[in-house]
Protein backbone atom coordinates (compact mmCIF):
# COMPACT_ATOMS: atom_id res chain seq x y z
CA MET A 1 18.80 -8.64 -3.58
CA LYS A 2 16.86 -11.91 -3.36
CA PRO A 3 17.59 -14.14 -0.38
CA THR A 4 19.60 -17.27 -1.07
CA THR A 5 18.12 -19.39 1.71
CA THR A 6 14.70 -19.97 3.13
CA ASP A 7 15.90 -19.09 6.65
CA ILE A 8 14.79 -15.46 6.33
CA LEU A 9 11.49 -16.28 4.63
CA PRO A 10 8.28 -16.08 6.66
CA GLN A 11 6.95 -19.45 7.72
CA GLY A 12 4.90 -21.07 4.96
CA TYR A 13 6.46 -18.92 2.22
CA LYS A 14 8.74 -19.82 -0.67
CA MET A 15 11.00 -17.75 -2.89
CA THR A 16 9.77 -17.17 -6.47
CA GLU A 17 10.72 -14.90 -9.37
CA LEU A 18 8.15 -12.48 -7.91
CA GLY A 19 9.69 -12.61 -4.45
CA PRO A 20 8.41 -14.42 -1.34
CA LEU A 21 4.97 -15.99 -1.85
CA PRO A 22 2.92 -18.53 0.10
CA GLU A 23 3.85 -22.12 -0.59
CA GLU A 24 0.39 -22.94 -1.96
CA TRP A 25 0.58 -20.15 -4.55
CA GLU A 26 1.73 -20.88 -8.08
CA VAL A 27 3.42 -18.53 -10.54
CA VAL A 28 2.38 -18.86 -14.19
CA GLN A 29 2.84 -16.76 -17.30
CA LEU A 30 -0.11 -14.63 -18.33
CA ALA A 31 -0.14 -16.52 -21.62
CA ASN A 32 -1.39 -19.92 -20.48
CA LYS A 33 -4.06 -22.43 -21.39
CA TYR A 34 -6.55 -20.89 -18.97
CA ILE A 35 -6.60 -17.44 -20.63
CA GLU A 36 -7.55 -16.36 -24.16
CA PHE A 37 -6.18 -13.23 -25.86
CA GLN A 38 -7.69 -11.35 -28.79
CA ASN A 39 -6.25 -8.18 -30.28
CA GLY A 40 -8.26 -5.44 -31.92
CA LEU A 41 -7.46 -5.84 -35.61
CA TRP A 42 -10.46 -5.77 -37.94
CA LYS A 43 -10.33 -8.67 -40.35
CA GLY A 44 -12.40 -11.50 -41.77
CA LYS A 45 -15.98 -11.53 -42.97
CA LYS A 46 -18.28 -8.70 -41.94
CA GLU A 47 -20.86 -9.67 -39.35
CA PRO A 48 -24.23 -7.84 -39.34
CA TYR A 49 -24.53 -7.38 -35.59
CA ILE A 50 -27.15 -5.06 -34.15
CA ASN A 51 -26.75 -2.56 -31.33
CA VAL A 52 -22.96 -2.69 -31.61
CA ARG A 53 -21.01 -0.25 -29.43
CA VAL A 54 -17.25 -0.02 -29.32
CA LEU A 55 -15.05 0.40 -26.23
CA ARG A 56 -12.22 2.82 -26.95
CA ASN A 57 -9.23 3.47 -24.75
CA THR A 58 -10.19 7.16 -24.57
CA ASN A 59 -13.06 6.15 -22.27
CA PHE A 60 -10.82 4.26 -19.85
CA ASN A 61 -10.39 5.58 -16.32
CA ASN A 62 -7.29 4.84 -14.26
CA ASP A 63 -9.30 2.94 -11.64
CA GLY A 64 -10.41 0.18 -14.01
CA THR A 65 -13.80 1.67 -14.84
CA ILE A 66 -15.08 3.11 -18.10
CA ASP A 67 -17.35 6.00 -19.11
CA PHE A 68 -20.09 4.07 -20.88
CA ASP A 69 -22.02 7.25 -21.69
CA ASP A 70 -19.23 8.20 -24.09
CA VAL A 71 -18.77 4.85 -25.83
CA ALA A 72 -18.82 5.03 -29.64
CA GLU A 73 -21.82 3.57 -31.45
CA LEU A 74 -20.92 2.57 -35.01
CA ASP A 75 -22.76 1.73 -38.20
CA VAL A 76 -22.60 -2.06 -38.12
CA GLU A 77 -22.40 -2.33 -41.91
CA GLN A 78 -19.07 -0.49 -41.92
CA ARG A 79 -17.18 -2.69 -39.48
CA ASN A 80 -16.40 -6.33 -38.91
CA PHE A 81 -17.10 -7.51 -35.37
CA LYS A 82 -16.45 -11.21 -35.79
CA ASN A 83 -14.69 -12.47 -32.64
CA ARG A 84 -14.65 -8.93 -31.22
CA GLU A 85 -17.68 -9.20 -28.97
CA ILE A 86 -17.26 -8.45 -25.27
CA ILE A 87 -19.08 -10.52 -22.69
CA LYS A 88 -19.39 -10.35 -18.92
CA ASP A 89 -16.10 -10.91 -17.02
CA ASP A 90 -13.92 -9.94 -20.01
CA ILE A 91 -10.93 -7.68 -19.38
CA ILE A 92 -10.21 -4.96 -21.92
CA LEU A 93 -6.59 -3.79 -22.21
CA GLU A 94 -5.47 -0.44 -23.60
CA ARG A 95 -2.86 -1.40 -26.17
CA SER A 96 -2.18 1.87 -27.99
CA GLY A 97 -2.74 5.59 -27.97
CA GLY A 98 -1.55 6.75 -24.56
CA GLY A 99 -0.64 10.44 -24.28
CA PRO A 100 2.86 11.79 -23.56
CA THR A 101 2.42 11.51 -19.79
CA GLN A 102 -0.07 8.65 -19.81
CA PRO A 103 1.42 5.19 -20.29
CA VAL A 104 -0.69 2.59 -22.05
CA GLY A 105 -1.76 -0.55 -20.23
CA ARG A 106 -4.91 0.58 -18.46
CA VAL A 107 -7.46 -2.19 -18.00
CA VAL A 108 -11.24 -2.34 -17.64
CA PHE A 109 -13.27 -5.17 -16.13
CA PHE A 110 -16.49 -5.65 -18.07
CA GLU A 111 -19.34 -6.36 -15.67
CA LYS A 112 -22.26 -5.37 -17.89
CA ASN A 113 -24.77 -8.05 -18.78
CA ASP A 114 -27.38 -6.30 -20.90
CA GLN A 115 -28.92 -6.63 -24.35
CA LEU A 116 -26.50 -4.31 -26.13
CA ARG A 117 -23.64 -5.88 -28.04
CA TYR A 118 -20.29 -4.33 -27.15
CA SER A 119 -17.08 -4.88 -29.08
CA PHE A 120 -13.55 -3.57 -28.62
CA SER A 121 -11.65 -1.25 -30.92
CA ASN A 122 -8.34 -1.67 -32.69
CA PHE A 123 -6.62 0.32 -29.92
CA THR A 124 -7.51 -2.32 -27.34
CA SER A 125 -7.29 -6.05 -26.72
CA ARG A 126 -9.54 -8.53 -24.96
CA ILE A 127 -8.37 -10.89 -22.22
CA ARG A 128 -10.83 -13.65 -21.36
CA VAL A 129 -10.55 -16.36 -18.71
CA ILE A 130 -11.70 -19.62 -20.27
CA ASP A 131 -11.25 -21.78 -17.17
CA LYS A 132 -12.93 -20.01 -14.27
CA LEU A 133 -12.30 -22.95 -11.97
CA ARG A 134 -8.61 -22.17 -12.25
CA ILE A 135 -8.51 -18.37 -12.46
CA PHE A 136 -11.12 -16.02 -11.01
CA PRO A 137 -11.59 -13.29 -13.70
CA LYS A 138 -11.80 -10.34 -11.32
CA TYR A 139 -8.70 -11.47 -9.46
CA LEU A 140 -6.84 -11.43 -12.78
CA PHE A 141 -8.18 -7.96 -13.50
CA PHE A 142 -6.98 -6.64 -10.14
CA TYR A 143 -3.53 -8.12 -10.69
CA LEU A 144 -3.26 -6.42 -14.10
CA LEU A 145 -4.52 -3.17 -12.57
CA ASN A 146 -1.77 -3.39 -9.94
CA PHE A 147 0.77 -4.11 -12.70
CA TYR A 148 -0.32 -0.84 -14.34
CA TYR A 149 -0.30 1.12 -11.04
CA GLN A 150 3.26 -0.04 -10.35
CA GLY A 151 4.36 1.56 -13.63
CA LYS A 152 5.50 -1.74 -15.09
CA THR A 153 3.80 -1.12 -18.43
CA ASN A 154 6.41 1.61 -18.98
CA ASP A 155 9.02 -1.10 -19.49
CA ILE A 156 7.11 -2.95 -22.20
CA GLN A 157 5.94 -0.15 -24.47
CA ASN A 158 7.39 1.41 -27.58
CA ARG A 159 6.64 4.36 -29.82
CA THR A 160 5.48 4.33 -33.43
CA THR A 161 5.30 7.79 -35.04
CA GLY A 162 5.09 9.34 -31.58
CA ILE A 163 2.25 7.08 -30.41
CA ARG A 164 2.76 4.87 -27.37
CA ASN A 165 2.15 1.17 -28.01
CA LEU A 166 2.21 -1.76 -25.62
CA ASP A 167 4.46 -4.64 -26.64
CA PHE A 168 1.69 -7.23 -26.48
CA SER A 169 4.03 -10.21 -26.85
CA LYS A 170 5.99 -9.10 -23.75
CA TYR A 171 2.77 -8.31 -21.90
CA LYS A 172 1.65 -11.91 -22.32
CA GLN A 173 4.89 -13.00 -20.61
CA ILE A 174 3.92 -11.29 -17.33
CA SER A 175 4.37 -13.59 -14.34
CA LEU A 176 1.04 -14.10 -12.61
CA PRO A 177 0.88 -15.17 -8.93
CA LEU A 178 -1.94 -17.66 -8.59
CA PRO A 179 -3.37 -18.40 -5.15
CA PRO A 180 -5.92 -21.20 -4.73
CA LEU A 181 -9.28 -20.21 -6.25
CA PRO A 182 -11.04 -19.49 -2.90
CA GLU A 183 -8.25 -17.07 -1.96
CA GLN A 184 -8.46 -15.39 -5.39
CA GLN A 185 -12.18 -14.87 -4.78
CA LYS A 186 -11.63 -13.42 -1.31
CA ILE A 187 -8.94 -11.04 -2.57
CA ALA A 188 -11.28 -9.83 -5.30
CA ALA A 189 -14.13 -9.46 -2.79
CA VAL A 190 -12.07 -7.29 -0.42
CA LEU A 191 -10.87 -5.01 -3.22
CA THR A 192 -14.35 -4.81 -4.75
CA ALA A 193 -15.75 -3.71 -1.38
CA VAL A 194 -13.28 -0.82 -1.22
CA GLN A 195 -14.05 0.13 -4.82
CA GLU A 196 -17.78 0.12 -4.09
CA ALA A 197 -17.24 2.33 -1.04
CA LYS A 198 -15.37 4.78 -3.25
CA GLU A 199 -18.17 4.70 -5.83
CA LYS A 200 -20.76 5.41 -3.13
CA THR A 201 -18.66 8.32 -1.90
CA GLN A 202 -18.46 9.65 -5.45
CA ALA A 203 -22.25 9.39 -5.69
CA VAL A 204 -22.55 11.52 -2.53
CA ILE A 205 -20.12 14.06 -4.04
CA ASP A 206 -22.11 14.22 -7.28
CA ALA A 207 -25.40 14.62 -5.40
CA THR A 208 -23.96 17.35 -3.16
CA LYS A 209 -22.58 19.23 -6.16
CA ALA A 210 -26.00 19.03 -7.81
CA LEU A 211 -27.56 20.34 -4.57
CA LYS A 212 -25.11 23.25 -4.52
CA LYS A 213 -25.94 24.18 -8.10
CA SER A 214 -29.68 24.21 -7.43
CA MET A 215 -29.20 26.03 -4.11
CA MET A 216 -27.16 28.77 -5.79
CA LYS A 217 -29.92 29.34 -8.33
CA TYR A 218 -32.53 29.41 -5.56
CA LEU A 219 -30.60 31.65 -3.13
CA PHE A 220 -29.73 34.22 -5.76
CA THR A 221 -33.38 34.39 -6.83
CA TYR A 222 -35.32 34.30 -3.55
CA GLY A 223 -32.68 34.74 -0.87
CA PRO A 224 -32.18 32.49 2.19
CA VAL A 225 -35.86 31.70 2.82
CA TRP A 226 -37.62 28.36 3.28
CA PRO A 227 -39.08 26.92 0.06
CA GLU A 228 -42.66 27.34 1.32
CA GLU A 229 -41.94 31.06 1.76
CA ALA A 230 -40.44 31.57 -1.71
CA ALA A 231 -43.80 32.27 -3.34
CA ASN A 232 -44.29 35.21 -0.96
CA VAL A 233 -40.97 36.89 -1.81
CA PRO A 234 -41.68 39.92 -4.04
CA LEU A 235 -39.33 39.92 -7.05
CA LYS A 236 -38.29 42.56 -9.54
CA GLU A 237 -36.82 42.34 -13.04
CA THR A 238 -33.25 43.62 -13.37
CA GLU A 239 -30.35 43.63 -15.82
CA ILE A 240 -29.37 40.18 -14.51
CA GLY A 241 -32.82 38.64 -14.09
CA LYS A 242 -35.24 38.45 -11.18
CA VAL A 243 -34.06 39.30 -7.65
CA PRO A 244 -35.92 40.16 -4.42
CA GLU A 245 -37.34 43.69 -4.40
CA ASP A 246 -35.21 44.87 -1.46
CA TRP A 247 -31.94 43.86 -3.16
CA GLU A 248 -29.84 46.29 -5.14
CA VAL A 249 -28.10 45.57 -8.44
CA VAL A 250 -24.69 47.23 -8.74
CA ARG A 251 -21.56 46.90 -10.82
CA LEU A 252 -18.87 44.79 -9.21
CA ARG A 253 -16.41 47.69 -9.22
CA GLU A 254 -18.73 49.63 -6.89
CA VAL A 255 -18.13 47.18 -4.04
CA THR A 256 -14.44 46.46 -4.62
CA GLU A 257 -11.21 48.40 -4.33
CA LYS A 258 -8.24 48.42 -6.65
CA ALA A 259 -5.56 45.84 -5.93
CA LYS A 260 -1.99 47.02 -6.39
CA GLN A 261 0.67 45.42 -8.51
CA LYS A 262 4.10 44.52 -7.19
CA ASP A 263 7.34 43.65 -8.97
CA PRO A 264 9.11 40.98 -6.86
CA ARG A 265 12.31 41.44 -8.90
CA ARG A 266 12.97 44.66 -7.02
CA ASP A 267 13.85 42.51 -4.00
CA PRO A 268 16.04 39.82 -5.62
CA SER A 269 16.75 37.82 -2.45
CA ASN A 270 13.17 37.79 -1.14
CA GLU A 271 11.35 34.46 -1.46
CA PHE A 272 7.68 34.56 -2.39
CA LYS A 273 4.82 32.22 -3.29
CA TYR A 274 3.45 32.51 -6.81
CA VAL A 275 -0.05 31.50 -7.96
CA ASP A 276 -0.43 30.82 -11.67
CA VAL A 277 -3.62 30.06 -13.59
CA SER A 278 -2.75 26.36 -13.70
CA ALA A 279 -2.84 26.29 -9.87
CA ILE A 280 -6.62 26.74 -9.82
CA SER A 281 -9.01 23.78 -9.77
CA ASN A 282 -12.03 24.78 -11.81
CA ASP A 283 -13.90 21.86 -10.26
CA ALA A 284 -13.28 22.72 -6.59
CA LEU A 285 -12.83 26.48 -7.31
CA LYS A 286 -9.81 26.70 -5.08
CA ILE A 287 -6.04 27.16 -5.22
CA THR A 288 -4.53 23.68 -5.18
CA SER A 289 -0.85 24.52 -5.53
CA TYR A 290 1.69 27.33 -5.84
CA SER A 291 5.34 27.81 -6.77
CA GLU A 292 8.11 29.41 -4.74
CA PHE A 293 10.65 31.78 -6.25
CA LEU A 294 13.33 34.23 -5.26
CA GLY A 295 12.61 37.73 -6.48
CA LYS A 296 15.44 37.58 -9.03
CA ASN A 297 13.84 34.50 -10.62
CA ALA A 298 10.29 35.81 -10.66
CA PRO A 299 8.21 34.90 -13.75
CA HIS A 300 7.43 37.94 -15.88
CA ARG A 301 3.71 37.54 -15.12
CA ALA A 302 4.24 37.60 -11.33
CA ARG A 303 2.86 41.08 -10.62
CA LYS A 304 -0.52 40.92 -8.85
CA ALA A 305 -0.27 41.32 -5.06
CA ILE A 306 -2.90 39.23 -3.25
CA GLN A 307 -4.34 39.23 0.28
CA THR A 308 -6.47 36.90 2.37
CA ASP A 309 -10.09 36.83 1.09
CA ASP A 310 -9.19 38.34 -2.28
CA ILE A 311 -10.98 36.60 -5.16
CA ILE A 312 -8.86 35.78 -8.18
CA PHE A 313 -10.66 35.33 -11.50
CA ALA A 314 -8.66 34.13 -14.52
CA THR A 315 -9.05 36.49 -17.45
CA VAL A 316 -7.74 33.92 -19.95
CA ARG A 317 -10.52 31.65 -21.25
CA PRO A 318 -12.93 32.82 -18.53
CA TYR A 319 -15.44 30.12 -19.46
CA LEU A 320 -13.12 27.60 -17.76
CA LYS A 321 -14.10 29.13 -14.39
CA ARG A 322 -10.64 29.28 -12.81
CA ILE A 323 -11.87 31.23 -9.81
CA ALA A 324 -10.71 30.99 -6.21
CA ILE A 325 -10.62 32.84 -2.92
CA VAL A 326 -7.19 33.50 -1.41
CA PRO A 327 -6.51 31.58 1.84
CA GLU A 328 -4.54 32.94 4.80
CA ASN A 329 -1.33 31.08 3.90
CA LEU A 330 -1.07 33.14 0.69
CA ASN A 331 -1.62 36.53 2.30
CA GLY A 332 0.87 39.05 0.88
CA GLN A 333 1.98 36.77 -1.97
CA ILE A 334 1.93 37.22 -5.76
CA ALA A 335 -0.46 36.04 -8.48
CA SER A 336 -0.21 36.07 -12.25
CA THR A 337 -1.31 39.06 -14.31
CA ALA A 338 -3.66 36.57 -15.98
CA PHE A 339 -5.95 37.09 -12.96
CA CYS A 340 -8.30 39.89 -12.09
CA VAL A 341 -7.88 40.43 -8.34
CA ILE A 342 -11.26 41.23 -6.77
CA ARG A 343 -10.69 42.91 -3.41
CA CYS A 344 -13.91 43.52 -1.53
CA LYS A 345 -14.88 46.53 0.53
CA LYS A 346 -15.65 44.45 3.60
CA GLN A 347 -17.79 47.15 5.23
CA ILE A 348 -20.21 46.70 2.31
CA VAL A 349 -19.87 43.11 1.10
CA ASN A 350 -18.96 39.68 2.38
CA PRO A 351 -16.01 38.33 0.33
CA TYR A 352 -17.44 34.80 0.28
CA TYR A 353 -20.77 36.11 -0.97
CA ILE A 354 -18.94 37.87 -3.81
CA PHE A 355 -16.93 34.71 -4.48
CA TYR A 356 -20.13 32.71 -4.97
CA THR A 357 -21.67 35.52 -7.01
CA VAL A 358 -18.82 35.68 -9.53
CA SER A 359 -18.82 31.88 -9.85
CA LEU A 360 -22.46 31.81 -10.95
CA ASP A 361 -22.83 30.48 -14.49
CA ASN A 362 -24.72 33.55 -15.67
CA PHE A 363 -21.98 35.87 -14.36
CA VAL A 364 -19.25 33.82 -16.07
CA ASN A 365 -21.28 33.70 -19.29
CA ARG A 366 -21.68 37.48 -19.31
CA VAL A 367 -17.94 37.90 -18.79
CA THR A 368 -17.17 35.40 -21.53
CA GLU A 369 -19.21 37.38 -24.05
CA ASN A 370 -16.48 40.02 -23.86
CA GLN A 371 -13.52 37.74 -24.59
CA ARG A 372 -11.29 38.69 -27.51
CA GLY A 373 -8.74 36.70 -29.51
CA SER A 374 -8.97 33.25 -31.07
CA SER A 375 -5.75 31.50 -30.09
CA TYR A 376 -5.57 33.18 -26.67
CA PRO A 377 -9.13 34.29 -25.81
CA ALA A 378 -9.17 36.63 -22.84
CA VAL A 379 -11.02 39.46 -21.14
CA THR A 380 -9.75 42.46 -19.22
CA ASP A 381 -10.13 43.30 -15.54
CA LYS A 382 -12.54 46.02 -16.63
CA ASP A 383 -14.76 43.47 -18.39
CA ILE A 384 -15.14 41.63 -15.09
CA LEU A 385 -15.47 44.62 -12.76
CA ASN A 386 -18.10 46.27 -14.97
CA GLN A 387 -20.51 43.32 -14.63
CA TYR A 388 -23.69 43.74 -12.62
CA ILE A 389 -24.17 41.69 -9.45
CA PRO A 390 -27.10 41.28 -7.02
CA LEU A 391 -26.46 43.04 -3.70
CA PRO A 392 -28.65 42.11 -0.75
CA PRO A 393 -28.16 43.62 2.73
CA LEU A 394 -24.96 42.44 4.43
CA PRO A 395 -26.73 40.03 6.87
CA ILE A 396 -28.39 38.31 3.89
CA GLN A 397 -25.04 38.07 2.12
CA GLN A 398 -23.58 36.41 5.19
CA LYS A 399 -26.42 33.88 5.38
CA ILE A 400 -26.06 32.95 1.71
CA ALA A 401 -22.29 32.62 2.06
CA SER A 402 -22.73 30.48 5.19
CA ILE A 403 -25.17 28.07 3.50
CA LEU A 404 -22.98 27.60 0.42
CA SER A 405 -19.81 27.32 2.51
CA ALA A 406 -21.43 24.50 4.50
CA ILE A 407 -22.20 22.64 1.26
CA ASP A 408 -18.63 23.19 0.08
CA ALA A 409 -17.33 21.82 3.39
CA LYS A 410 -19.45 18.68 2.87
CA ILE A 411 -18.07 18.25 -0.65
CA GLU A 412 -14.50 18.70 0.59
CA ALA A 413 -15.02 16.16 3.39
CA GLU A 414 -16.36 13.60 0.91
CA GLU A 415 -13.52 14.34 -1.53
CA ASN A 416 -11.04 13.69 1.30
CA LYS A 417 -12.85 10.44 2.12
CA LYS A 418 -12.68 9.40 -1.52
CA GLN A 419 -8.95 10.20 -1.63
CA ALA A 420 -8.38 8.12 1.50
CA LEU A 421 -10.29 5.21 -0.06
CA GLU A 422 -8.23 5.49 -3.25
CA GLU A 423 -5.01 5.33 -1.25
CA LEU A 424 -6.35 2.42 0.81
CA PHE A 425 -7.34 0.59 -2.37
CA LYS A 426 -3.90 0.94 -3.97
CA THR A 427 -2.12 -0.09 -0.77
CA LEU A 428 -4.38 -3.11 -0.28
CA LEU A 429 -4.11 -4.02 -3.96
CA HIS A 430 -0.33 -4.17 -3.86
CA ASN A 431 -0.12 -5.92 -0.50
CA LEU A 432 -2.73 -8.54 -1.37
CA MET A 433 -1.14 -9.32 -4.73
CA THR A 434 2.28 -9.77 -3.13
CA ALA A 435 0.88 -11.74 -0.15
CA LYS A 436 2.12 -9.17 2.36
CA ILE A 437 -1.48 -9.27 3.58
CA ARG A 438 -3.48 -12.53 3.48
CA VAL A 439 -7.24 -12.97 3.38
CA THR A 440 -7.27 -16.62 4.38
CA GLY A 441 -8.95 -15.74 7.68
CA ILE A 442 -12.06 -14.42 5.91
CA ASN A 443 -14.69 -17.15 6.07
CA GLU A 444 -17.50 -15.53 4.11
CA LEU A 445 -17.52 -13.28 1.08
CA PRO A 446 -19.55 -10.06 1.23
């Protein structure tokens, strides 16, 4: 309920249709004389532009960025781009085409200033600030991004033949809080700084993942030796390529033991944790979630008993690399029959070494060659366990596992940092746009 008097308002604030805001802030409709809108309909005379690329909503990310590497490049003679050109500081709005769980209304701030000509597609619209002394373009972008994050685009969309569409006329009626221009600039600067920190963290993640990939190739070829010593490591040709001479090559089944199956329905009142294929992150190669069931409600695929340090390898579409090692909190629980459970003979092999071995691209590719079925391509446990793997002495296994685990720990730490920055950004975004936090004390922009 909105307050009826100013007695409970903070000092220097006034009540508006958006709630309490500073007295010097205005509230205007998005459709005003300072902003120009252009939808994405192709019409009018064809324009023979060169180097035209089109921004499509499929390239939009939820954080207001876009994947430029995947932007469509069209034959300019087949399209009309008159009044569809994008310039620096334009905002591109996703107007149509959102999936069943993805509302439309994502926005992208266009900061490119290069020689290529970009235009927007008929699934998007352009929002351009024409009076930058009144509205700072990036402030407007951040406000629209917050509008999307708050789920408010859900209320102004409709469906046409199952496709989500934004009601553009209602979108233009959005109430826009408008601080004085210097405060708009400071708000945008603070949020941009957090975004840039997140981007730098992502760059560290990408570089560390690239390091891990190259390290895996190196370690499984030469072992854990310094690069200057690699040339002195004698290698031999094997069924899986070159490995050090003192390494063995064995089938995976030779260093593992059979994991038993268990029917949780035999104990109807017992509660258990269930790991399905969808619970595996094929990016992080870890279990990210699980479900809890009573035995009487157990899914029909809940049959594979798992223990700490077991490796679970999805047999359905193995090329997707849904592989993970079982943590302690899932010891004695149940996994889907869509997994091959790899249980190591720990007196012979290090489970983490085997985990990294079976996640190698060449191992996954060899498994995938055995998949059968078109609509539901899958392999059997036997297809996985019959694959050859390199087997160095146990101390070497432990060193390799330790090196790769350290890289994984670095990636996880950076991922956690990125997640914290994302949460900080969204919290700051909302609080700055509603004036719960002010930036008036900031004297200089970064």
